[in-house]
Protein backbone atom coordinates (compact mmCIF):
# COMPACT_ATOMS: atom_id res chain seq x y z
CA MET A 1 -8.74 1.17 -33.49
CA ASN A 2 -8.37 4.77 -32.99
CA SER A 3 -4.82 5.41 -33.77
CA ALA A 4 -5.11 8.96 -32.60
CA VAL A 5 -5.15 7.32 -28.98
CA PRO A 6 -1.09 6.74 -28.22
CA LYS A 7 -0.47 3.16 -28.28
CA ALA A 8 0.80 3.16 -24.53
CA ARG A 9 -2.98 4.02 -23.72
CA ARG A 10 -4.82 1.05 -25.28
CA ILE A 11 -1.99 -1.38 -24.42
CA ARG A 12 -4.06 -3.93 -21.64
CA LEU A 13 -2.09 -4.91 -18.76
CA CYS A 14 -4.61 -7.15 -16.91
CA ARG A 15 -7.90 -6.51 -17.69
CA PRO A 16 -9.50 -3.57 -16.79
CA LEU A 17 -6.32 -2.03 -16.33
CA LYS A 18 -4.41 -0.27 -19.16
CA ARG A 19 -1.00 0.68 -18.79
CA THR A 20 -1.61 4.41 -18.11
CA ASP A 21 -3.81 3.25 -15.39
CA CYS A 22 -0.60 1.42 -13.42
CA SER A 23 2.19 3.25 -11.35
CA LEU A 24 5.33 3.76 -13.22
CA VAL A 25 6.70 3.57 -9.65
CA SER A 26 7.42 0.13 -8.71
CA ASP A 27 10.01 -2.27 -7.43
CA GLY A 28 8.37 -5.05 -5.59
CA ALA A 29 5.18 -7.59 -5.47
CA ALA A 30 3.73 -8.63 -2.39
CA ALA A 31 0.99 -11.46 -2.03
CA LEU A 32 -1.34 -12.12 0.53
CA VAL A 33 -3.55 -15.11 1.15
CA LEU A 34 -6.59 -15.14 3.49
CA THR A 35 -8.25 -17.59 5.41
CA ASP A 36 -10.56 -18.41 8.42
CA ALA A 37 -8.66 -18.65 12.05
CA GLU A 38 -9.37 -22.24 12.28
CA THR A 39 -7.68 -23.09 8.68
CA ALA A 40 -4.78 -20.52 9.53
CA LYS A 41 -3.96 -22.28 12.70
CA THR A 42 -3.27 -25.60 10.75
CA MET A 43 -0.99 -24.05 8.28
CA GLY A 44 3.12 -24.00 9.74
CA LYS A 45 3.37 -20.22 9.20
CA ALA A 46 0.40 -17.76 10.06
CA VAL A 47 -0.12 -13.86 10.35
CA ASN A 48 -3.44 -12.77 12.47
CA ILE A 49 -3.86 -9.65 10.85
CA LYS A 50 -5.12 -7.09 14.06
CA ALA A 51 -5.89 -3.75 11.93
CA THR A 52 -5.04 -2.01 8.67
CA ALA A 53 -5.50 1.60 7.94
CA HIS A 54 -5.45 4.17 5.35
CA ALA A 55 -4.67 8.00 5.07
CA GLN A 56 -3.77 10.40 2.25
CA ASP A 57 -1.84 13.62 1.78
CA PHE A 58 -3.07 16.53 0.89
CA LEU A 59 -2.48 17.80 -2.98
CA PRO A 60 -1.16 19.78 -4.44
CA MET A 61 2.53 19.81 -2.58
CA SER A 62 2.47 23.48 -2.37
CA LYS A 63 -0.49 23.12 0.72
CA ARG A 64 1.99 20.53 2.71
CA ASP A 65 5.38 20.01 3.99
CA ILE A 66 6.82 16.70 2.66
CA LEU A 67 9.55 16.28 5.22
CA LEU A 68 6.09 15.76 7.67
CA PHE A 69 5.02 12.61 6.01
CA GLU A 70 1.14 13.25 7.37
CA GLY A 71 -0.48 10.55 5.64
CA CYS A 72 2.14 7.97 7.06
CA THR A 73 1.75 9.72 10.68
CA VAL A 74 -2.04 9.21 10.37
CA ALA A 75 -2.30 5.71 9.04
CA TRP A 76 0.43 4.51 11.69
CA GLN A 77 -1.77 6.07 14.18
CA ARG A 78 -5.24 4.83 13.08
CA ALA A 79 -3.73 1.10 12.63
CA LEU A 80 -1.93 1.34 16.52
CA GLN A 81 -5.33 2.54 17.83
CA SER A 82 -7.36 -0.31 15.83
CA ALA A 83 -4.99 -2.66 17.16
CA GLY A 84 -5.16 -1.82 20.63
CA VAL A 85 -0.79 -1.68 20.84
CA GLN A 86 1.70 0.79 20.61
CA LEU A 87 4.55 1.00 18.03
CA SER A 88 6.93 -0.45 20.80
CA ASP A 89 5.14 -3.61 20.98
CA LEU A 90 5.62 -4.44 17.64
CA SER A 91 8.67 -6.48 16.86
CA LEU A 92 9.04 -5.77 13.33
CA SER A 93 7.60 -3.34 10.44
CA LYS A 94 8.18 -3.01 6.78
CA PRO A 95 6.01 -0.02 5.57
CA THR A 96 6.25 0.57 2.14
CA THR A 97 5.70 3.55 -0.31
CA ALA A 98 4.99 4.01 -4.15
CA SER A 99 7.75 6.54 -4.21
CA PRO A 100 11.34 6.02 -4.91
CA SER A 101 13.85 5.33 -2.41
CA PRO A 102 16.40 8.29 -2.00
CA ASN A 103 18.86 4.95 -1.12
């Protein structure tokens, strides 16, 4: 074992991830169970995912306005378009971020 490598970089959390591979900002957990539509219909509660989307902001921070949330806006627009719905069609929304909340 190379003692020149800091211990935090060597600790494995879940193979192959080491402590330094994971986000330091973490305040929750999530789980997702995927199944086919027929099996889901037999369950007490099921959700049909109509769309997913992903976008990234520009880095470095000096090249963007952090108050515009451009990456979030693009991801929402893509997901809504892909699902064929508008924001006003949603009865519940729970967006999350890996950034600390100001509240």
